[in-house]
Amino acid sequence: MTDPTVIRAYPDGPLLVRGDFELQDENGEQIDPRRGTIALCRCDRSALKPFCDGTHALLRRGRAARATSRGEA
């Protein structure tokens, strides 16, 4: 019996994929996920696409710092 695939979207973050899945590129070629749980990029700025490298967190912090410096909440 295989584990069901679960995809969880994190607010302003990646898609976390767990379970039994196959990852393919745009040509249908299989991509080795290297592990059973992966994080897929949604911000389109990762250097490891299609995998998340945490860049979204840097972008979010940068936006928050700019808003604070302008006096926004």
Protein backbone atom coordinates (compact mmCIF):
# COMPACT_ATOMS: atom_id res chain seq x y z
CA MET A 1 0.00 0.00 0.00
CA THR A 2 1.35 3.45 -0.89
CA ASP A 3 0.90 6.66 1.03
CA PRO A 4 -1.73 9.00 -0.45
CA THR A 5 -0.39 12.16 -2.03
CA VAL A 6 -1.05 15.28 0.01
CA ILE A 7 -0.34 18.75 -1.36
CA ARG A 8 -0.49 21.60 1.13
CA ALA A 9 -0.27 25.26 0.14
CA TYR A 10 1.39 27.56 2.63
CA PRO A 11 0.40 31.25 2.67
CA ASP A 12 3.09 33.24 0.82
CA GLY A 13 5.13 30.04 0.66
CA PRO A 14 5.65 26.82 -1.24
CA LEU A 15 3.47 23.87 -2.09
CA LEU A 16 4.52 21.00 0.18
CA VAL A 17 4.05 17.60 -1.50
CA ARG A 18 4.07 14.40 0.57
CA GLY A 19 3.33 10.79 -0.25
CA ASP A 20 3.52 8.79 -3.44
CA PHE A 21 4.04 11.12 -6.42
CA GLU A 22 5.92 11.49 -9.68
CA LEU A 23 7.42 14.83 -10.69
CA GLN A 24 7.76 15.64 -14.41
CA ASP A 25 9.13 18.57 -16.39
CA GLU A 26 7.27 20.36 -19.20
CA ASN A 27 8.31 17.61 -21.65
CA GLY A 28 7.03 14.78 -19.47
CA GLU A 29 10.54 13.77 -18.41
CA GLN A 30 10.77 12.56 -14.85
CA ILE A 31 12.54 14.79 -12.31
CA ASP A 32 14.19 13.02 -9.39
CA PRO A 33 12.64 14.63 -6.28
CA ARG A 34 15.53 13.26 -4.14
CA ARG A 35 13.17 12.67 -1.21
CA GLY A 36 9.62 11.72 -0.30
CA THR A 37 8.54 15.21 0.76
CA ILE A 38 9.29 18.22 -1.41
CA ALA A 39 8.55 21.94 -1.45
CA LEU A 40 7.63 23.39 -4.83
CA CYS A 41 8.24 27.08 -5.56
CA ARG A 42 5.23 29.36 -6.10
CA CYS A 43 6.99 32.76 -6.09
CA ASP A 44 8.93 31.97 -9.30
CA ARG A 45 12.18 33.33 -7.84
CA SER A 46 13.83 30.12 -6.58
CA ALA A 47 17.29 29.29 -7.94
CA LEU A 48 16.36 25.59 -7.58
CA LYS A 49 13.15 25.55 -9.64
CA PRO A 50 10.86 23.71 -9.47
CA PHE A 51 11.95 23.33 -5.83
CA CYS A 52 11.58 26.06 -3.21
CA ASP A 53 14.83 27.55 -1.85
CA GLY A 54 13.23 29.94 0.67
CA THR A 55 13.53 33.07 -1.49
CA HIS A 56 9.88 33.90 -0.78
CA ALA A 57 10.77 34.57 2.86
CA LEU A 58 13.43 37.11 1.85
CA LEU A 59 10.96 38.85 -0.45
CA ARG A 60 8.33 39.00 2.31
CA ARG A 61 10.84 40.46 4.80
CA GLY A 62 11.95 43.05 2.25
CA ARG A 63 8.36 44.17 1.65
CA ALA A 64 7.72 44.38 5.40
CA ALA A 65 10.87 46.46 5.97
CA ARG A 66 9.96 48.89 3.17
CA ALA A 67 6.40 49.27 4.53
CA THR A 68 7.73 49.94 8.04
CA SER A 69 10.17 52.57 6.78
CA ARG A 70 7.27 54.34 5.03
CA GLY A 71 5.17 54.25 8.20
CA GLU A 72 2.67 51.67 6.85
CA ALA A 73 1.22 48.99 9.11
